[in-house]
Amino acid sequence: MSKIAFIYPGQGAQKAGMGADFYEKSDSARAIYDGATKLLELDMCKLCFEENDKLDITEYTQAALVTTFLAMTKVVEEAGLTPDITAGLSLGEYAAIAVAGGMSYEAAIKTVRCRGILMQNTVPVGEGAMSAVIGMEADAIEKVIADIDGVTIANYNCPGQIVITGKTEAVQLAGEKLSEAGAKRCIPLNVSGPFHSPMLKEAGENLGKELDKVEFSELKIPYVTNVTADKVEDINETKELLKEQVYSSVRWQQSIENMIADGVDIFVEIGPGKTLAGFMKKINKEAKIYNIGTYEDVEKVVKEIKAC
């Protein structure tokens, strides 16, 4: 019998119009968007559905994406498809925890709004940076940057695509050294801060204070944490892990490998775009992955999976 994982992308997946068809066609999805609007006093429909300047600003992006993930998931579950385990890349982990039963949808949306503000404002603009390193394996990257103070790995996305983070000058120097050492490309990312670096430890500590206010619930199914790439079955571990996640490496490749080793054979990426599907092709070509980014995708994907 197949074992299904729902997986959620991170920041960068957002696009204007995401979730609009779910809002129009599903009362349940509409209730989640309208609830987020009321909860945050932020017009979530305008933010998600219309072209605007705010959607790519971290303090707005995170709440917009998690709201969209959860609205889409509600429709998927109502169509008869439920997961055995969940996981999310960085920001997506909050949707994964909520869908696994560990926190309410409202708590997930409210917490990521706070998280986005903290991540945006902790490090002054220009002091931190991130770059994607293409065509070089993680162990080789780790050796090169070991002697460069102020740079670490932010994301282990998939073989041949690693993201580095840290002080702007250090990331630039690392890019030069990595190119000399054989990386195909080092691409500076258009981000507002050095996410998932020790520079954001203060943001993580402050997020911990917000997490003290969250009412966590016993998990109905496990989820996989970015911090260790292991599955979490005890909700009491979650607060500390979410705090650490802000300034720790995202071990996405390892998370997928561990889920496959645990028997997961079907992955469903829920959200705009196909970022995680792209990573999957490089992590394990044999794994089945489906994408749900539009309302029309739901019926088609559910039908295909049930036919497996």
Protein backbone atom coordinates (compact mmCIF):
# COMPACT_ATOMS: atom_id res chain seq x y z
CA MET A 1 0.00 0.00 0.00
CA SER A 2 1.30 3.44 -0.94
CA LYS A 3 2.59 5.84 1.68
CA ILE A 4 1.82 9.47 0.85
CA ALA A 5 3.67 12.65 1.85
CA PHE A 6 2.26 16.15 1.43
CA ILE A 7 5.17 18.56 0.88
CA TYR A 8 5.20 22.36 0.81
CA PRO A 9 7.68 24.75 -0.86
CA GLY A 10 9.30 27.75 0.77
CA GLN A 11 9.65 31.44 0.11
CA GLY A 12 10.18 32.16 -3.58
CA ALA A 13 7.25 30.01 -4.71
CA GLN A 14 4.81 32.92 -4.38
CA LYS A 15 3.13 34.44 -7.43
CA ALA A 16 0.22 36.80 -7.94
CA GLY A 17 -3.02 34.90 -8.44
CA MET A 18 -2.05 31.91 -6.33
CA GLY A 19 -5.08 30.25 -4.80
CA ALA A 20 -7.63 32.53 -6.49
CA ASP A 21 -9.42 29.62 -8.18
CA PHE A 22 -9.62 27.77 -4.84
CA TYR A 23 -11.16 30.87 -3.25
CA GLU A 24 -13.74 31.14 -6.02
CA LYS A 25 -14.73 27.47 -6.10
CA SER A 26 -14.41 26.22 -2.51
CA ASP A 27 -16.25 27.47 0.58
CA SER A 28 -13.60 25.86 2.79
CA ALA A 29 -10.69 27.55 1.01
CA ARG A 30 -12.57 30.86 1.06
CA ALA A 31 -13.05 30.55 4.80
CA ILE A 32 -9.30 30.11 5.33
CA TYR A 33 -8.41 33.20 3.29
CA ASP A 34 -11.15 35.28 4.91
CA GLY A 35 -10.13 34.02 8.34
CA ALA A 36 -6.50 35.04 7.68
CA THR A 37 -7.65 38.49 6.57
CA LYS A 38 -9.53 38.98 9.83
CA LEU A 39 -6.79 37.43 11.98
CA LEU A 40 -3.94 39.53 10.56
CA GLU A 41 -5.97 42.62 9.62
CA LEU A 42 -4.41 42.23 6.18
CA ASP A 43 -6.34 41.89 2.92
CA MET A 44 -5.17 38.39 2.03
CA CYS A 45 -7.18 38.26 -1.21
CA LYS A 46 -5.59 41.45 -2.50
CA LEU A 47 -2.15 40.24 -1.37
CA CYS A 48 -2.40 36.80 -2.97
CA PHE A 49 -4.62 37.32 -5.99
CA GLU A 50 -3.65 40.74 -7.41
CA GLU A 51 -0.37 42.11 -8.76
CA ASN A 52 1.22 44.08 -5.93
CA ASP A 53 4.55 45.13 -4.43
CA LYS A 54 4.02 43.46 -1.05
CA LEU A 55 3.88 39.82 -2.09
CA ASP A 56 7.67 39.57 -2.48
CA ILE A 57 8.40 41.31 0.85
CA THR A 58 9.23 38.69 3.48
CA GLU A 59 6.92 40.01 6.19
CA TYR A 60 3.96 39.54 3.82
CA THR A 61 5.18 36.61 1.72
CA GLN A 62 5.27 34.09 4.53
CA ALA A 63 1.69 34.58 5.70
CA ALA A 64 0.43 34.68 2.11
CA LEU A 65 2.07 31.38 1.21
CA VAL A 66 1.06 29.47 4.33
CA THR A 67 -2.53 30.67 3.95
CA THR A 68 -2.48 29.47 0.35
CA PHE A 69 -0.93 26.09 1.24
CA LEU A 70 -3.55 25.46 3.89
CA ALA A 71 -6.48 26.56 1.73
CA MET A 72 -5.33 24.25 -1.07
CA THR A 73 -4.75 21.36 1.34
CA LYS A 74 -8.26 21.67 2.74
CA VAL A 75 -9.67 21.14 -0.74
CA VAL A 76 -7.34 18.20 -1.39
CA GLU A 77 -8.39 16.50 1.84
CA GLU A 78 -12.06 17.10 1.09
CA ALA A 79 -11.46 15.37 -2.24
CA GLY A 80 -10.45 12.25 -0.30
CA LEU A 81 -6.65 12.39 -0.27
CA THR A 82 -4.84 12.51 3.08
CA PRO A 83 -1.13 12.20 3.93
CA ASP A 84 0.74 9.68 6.05
CA ILE A 85 3.49 12.23 6.73
CA THR A 86 4.20 15.87 5.89
CA ALA A 87 7.21 18.10 5.30
CA GLY A 88 7.87 21.65 4.19
CA LEU A 89 10.93 23.54 3.03
CA SER A 90 11.67 26.30 5.55
CA LEU A 91 8.46 28.34 5.69
CA GLY A 92 6.54 25.34 4.32
CA GLU A 93 7.24 23.45 7.54
CA TYR A 94 4.53 25.48 9.28
CA ALA A 95 1.91 24.19 6.85
CA ALA A 96 3.32 20.69 7.34
CA ILE A 97 2.89 20.92 11.11
CA ALA A 98 -0.63 22.34 10.88
CA VAL A 99 -1.72 19.64 8.42
CA ALA A 100 -0.15 17.00 10.71
CA GLY A 101 -2.39 18.30 13.50
CA GLY A 102 0.31 19.97 15.59
CA MET A 103 -1.13 23.48 15.54
CA SER A 104 -4.27 25.16 14.30
CA TYR A 105 -4.35 26.77 10.88
CA GLU A 106 -4.86 30.12 12.59
CA ALA A 107 -1.80 29.64 14.80
CA ALA A 108 0.36 28.69 11.80
CA ILE A 109 -0.71 31.77 9.85
CA LYS A 110 -0.29 34.14 12.79
CA THR A 111 3.11 32.73 13.72
CA VAL A 112 4.58 32.96 10.22
CA ARG A 113 3.45 36.58 10.01
CA CYS A 114 5.56 37.25 13.10
CA ARG A 115 8.38 35.07 11.73
CA GLY A 116 8.45 37.05 8.49
CA ILE A 117 8.70 40.36 10.30
CA LEU A 118 11.52 39.09 12.54
CA MET A 119 13.48 37.60 9.64
CA GLN A 120 13.05 40.79 7.62
CA ASN A 121 14.13 43.20 10.33
CA THR A 122 16.79 41.46 12.44
CA VAL A 123 19.71 42.09 10.07
CA PRO A 124 19.99 45.53 8.40
CA VAL A 125 19.52 45.46 4.63
CA GLY A 126 22.83 44.99 2.82
CA GLU A 127 24.68 43.28 5.67
CA GLY A 128 23.63 39.76 4.70
CA ALA A 129 23.30 37.82 1.46
CA MET A 130 22.60 34.41 -0.04
CA SER A 131 23.82 32.66 -3.20
CA ALA A 132 22.85 29.45 -4.96
CA VAL A 133 25.81 27.23 -5.78
CA ILE A 134 25.19 25.15 -8.89
CA GLY A 135 27.05 22.05 -9.98
CA MET A 136 29.03 21.28 -6.84
CA GLU A 137 28.37 18.70 -4.15
CA ALA A 138 27.76 19.66 -0.54
CA ASP A 139 30.90 18.09 0.94
CA ALA A 140 33.10 19.97 -1.53
CA ILE A 141 31.32 23.24 -0.73
CA GLU A 142 31.71 22.64 3.00
CA LYS A 143 35.49 22.21 2.57
CA VAL A 144 35.85 25.46 0.62
CA ILE A 145 33.79 27.62 2.98
CA ALA A 146 35.25 26.11 6.16
CA ASP A 147 38.04 28.70 6.11
CA ILE A 148 35.77 31.67 5.33
CA ASP A 149 34.38 33.33 8.42
CA GLY A 150 30.75 34.42 8.23
CA VAL A 151 29.35 32.02 5.63
CA THR A 152 27.46 28.75 6.08
CA ILE A 153 25.14 26.49 4.11
CA ALA A 154 21.51 27.63 4.22
CA ASN A 155 19.84 24.95 2.11
CA TYR A 156 20.76 21.44 1.04
CA ASN A 157 18.16 21.47 -1.74
CA CYS A 158 19.30 18.60 -3.94
CA PRO A 159 22.50 17.24 -5.49
CA GLY A 160 24.15 20.06 -7.42
CA GLN A 161 22.10 22.86 -5.85
CA ILE A 162 23.17 24.21 -2.48
CA VAL A 163 22.47 27.67 -1.07
CA ILE A 164 25.03 29.55 1.03
CA THR A 165 24.23 32.38 3.43
CA GLY A 166 25.92 34.89 5.71
CA LYS A 167 27.69 38.24 5.73
CA THR A 168 27.57 39.92 2.32
CA GLU A 169 31.34 40.13 1.85
CA ALA A 170 31.84 36.55 3.03
CA VAL A 171 29.19 35.20 0.65
CA GLN A 172 30.78 37.11 -2.24
CA LEU A 173 34.23 35.76 -1.36
CA ALA A 174 32.85 32.25 -1.02
CA GLY A 175 31.28 32.56 -4.47
CA GLU A 176 34.65 33.43 -5.97
CA LYS A 177 36.42 30.58 -4.15
CA LEU A 178 33.72 28.06 -5.08
CA SER A 179 33.88 29.08 -8.75
CA GLU A 180 37.64 28.60 -8.67
CA ALA A 181 37.11 25.19 -7.06
CA GLY A 182 34.77 23.97 -9.80
CA ALA A 183 31.26 25.23 -9.17
CA LYS A 184 29.43 25.84 -12.44
CA ARG A 185 27.75 28.98 -11.19
CA CYS A 186 27.24 30.98 -8.00
CA ILE A 187 24.07 32.99 -8.35
CA PRO A 188 23.32 35.82 -5.87
CA LEU A 189 19.72 35.53 -4.67
CA ASN A 190 17.32 38.45 -4.50
CA VAL A 191 16.53 38.18 -0.80
CA SER A 192 16.25 40.71 2.00
CA GLY A 193 18.52 38.94 4.46
CA PRO A 194 20.88 36.06 5.27
CA PHE A 195 18.16 33.51 5.98
CA HIS A 196 19.06 30.29 7.79
CA SER A 197 22.37 31.68 9.01
CA PRO A 198 23.68 32.21 12.57
CA MET A 199 23.15 35.94 11.91
CA LEU A 200 19.45 35.29 12.51
CA LYS A 201 19.86 33.68 15.91
CA GLU A 202 18.28 36.74 17.54
CA ALA A 203 15.25 36.34 15.25
CA GLY A 204 15.00 32.70 16.29
CA GLU A 205 15.15 33.57 19.98
CA ASN A 206 12.46 36.22 19.57
CA LEU A 207 10.33 33.81 17.57
CA GLY A 208 10.64 31.42 20.50
CA LYS A 209 8.81 33.98 22.66
CA GLU A 210 5.98 34.03 20.12
CA LEU A 211 5.92 30.25 20.05
CA ASP A 212 5.43 30.28 23.84
CA LYS A 213 1.95 31.67 23.12
CA VAL A 214 1.05 28.93 20.63
CA GLU A 215 -1.16 26.08 21.74
CA PHE A 216 0.39 22.96 20.22
CA SER A 217 -1.61 19.74 19.86
CA GLU A 218 -0.66 16.09 19.74
CA LEU A 219 0.36 15.14 16.21
CA LYS A 220 -2.05 12.97 14.23
CA ILE A 221 0.72 11.99 11.81
CA PRO A 222 4.48 12.68 11.83
CA TYR A 223 6.13 15.58 10.05
CA VAL A 224 9.78 15.96 9.04
CA THR A 225 11.84 18.80 10.48
CA ASN A 226 14.32 20.82 8.41
CA VAL A 227 16.78 21.01 11.30
CA THR A 228 17.65 17.30 11.49
CA ALA A 229 15.76 15.83 8.49
CA ASP A 230 14.19 13.33 10.90
CA LYS A 231 10.50 12.74 11.43
CA VAL A 232 8.91 14.29 14.49
CA GLU A 233 6.27 12.34 16.39
CA ASP A 234 6.41 14.19 19.71
CA ILE A 235 4.92 17.70 19.48
CA ASN A 236 6.96 18.74 22.51
CA GLU A 237 10.03 18.89 20.25
CA THR A 238 8.41 21.32 17.83
CA LYS A 239 8.87 24.67 19.55
CA GLU A 240 12.63 24.32 19.90
CA LEU A 241 12.98 22.98 16.36
CA LEU A 242 11.05 25.91 14.86
CA LYS A 243 13.18 28.34 16.82
CA GLU A 244 16.39 26.70 15.59
CA GLN A 245 15.08 26.42 12.04
CA VAL A 246 15.37 30.19 11.56
CA TYR A 247 19.16 30.10 11.88
CA SER A 248 19.96 26.48 10.95
CA SER A 249 20.55 24.77 7.62
CA VAL A 250 17.48 23.42 5.79
CA ARG A 251 18.21 19.75 5.12
CA TRP A 252 15.69 19.20 2.35
CA GLN A 253 17.58 16.59 0.35
CA GLN A 254 18.17 14.55 3.50
CA SER A 255 14.49 14.94 4.49
CA ILE A 256 13.32 13.45 1.18
CA GLU A 257 15.87 10.64 1.37
CA ASN A 258 14.75 9.77 4.89
CA MET A 259 11.08 9.73 3.91
CA ILE A 260 11.82 7.41 0.99
CA ALA A 261 13.82 5.14 3.30
CA ASP A 262 10.79 5.15 5.60
CA GLY A 263 8.58 3.83 2.82
CA VAL A 264 7.10 6.98 1.29
CA ASP A 265 6.54 6.33 -2.40
CA ILE A 266 4.17 9.15 -3.38
CA PHE A 267 4.88 12.85 -2.84
CA VAL A 268 2.29 15.57 -3.42
CA GLU A 269 3.67 19.10 -3.72
CA ILE A 270 0.93 21.55 -2.72
CA GLY A 271 1.37 25.21 -3.64
CA PRO A 272 2.29 27.41 -6.59
CA GLY A 273 5.09 26.28 -8.89
CA LYS A 274 7.04 23.04 -9.10
CA THR A 275 10.19 23.85 -7.14
CA LEU A 276 10.16 20.69 -5.03
CA ALA A 277 9.39 18.50 -8.03
CA GLY A 278 12.51 19.89 -9.66
CA PHE A 279 14.57 19.01 -6.62
CA MET A 280 13.02 15.54 -6.50
CA LYS A 281 14.23 14.71 -10.00
CA LYS A 282 17.79 15.21 -8.79
CA ILE A 283 17.31 13.51 -5.41
CA ASN A 284 15.51 10.38 -6.60
CA LYS A 285 14.23 9.98 -10.16
CA GLU A 286 12.18 6.92 -9.22
CA ALA A 287 9.99 8.71 -6.67
CA LYS A 288 6.49 9.63 -7.82
CA ILE A 289 5.69 13.29 -7.36
CA TYR A 290 2.49 15.14 -8.19
CA ASN A 291 1.82 18.89 -8.14
CA ILE A 292 -1.31 20.66 -6.98
CA GLY A 293 -1.19 24.36 -7.76
CA THR A 294 -4.62 24.91 -9.32
CA TYR A 295 -8.13 23.83 -8.45
CA GLU A 296 -8.24 21.68 -11.60
CA ASP A 297 -5.16 19.78 -10.44
CA VAL A 298 -6.99 18.42 -7.40
CA GLU A 299 -9.41 16.07 -9.14
CA LYS A 300 -6.80 14.91 -11.64
CA VAL A 301 -4.11 14.17 -9.03
CA VAL A 302 -6.47 12.51 -6.56
CA LYS A 303 -7.81 10.28 -9.34
CA GLU A 304 -4.30 9.31 -10.51
CA ILE A 305 -3.09 8.49 -7.00
CA LYS A 306 -6.15 6.44 -6.15
CA ALA A 307 -5.58 4.46 -9.33
CA CYS A 308 -2.04 3.54 -8.23
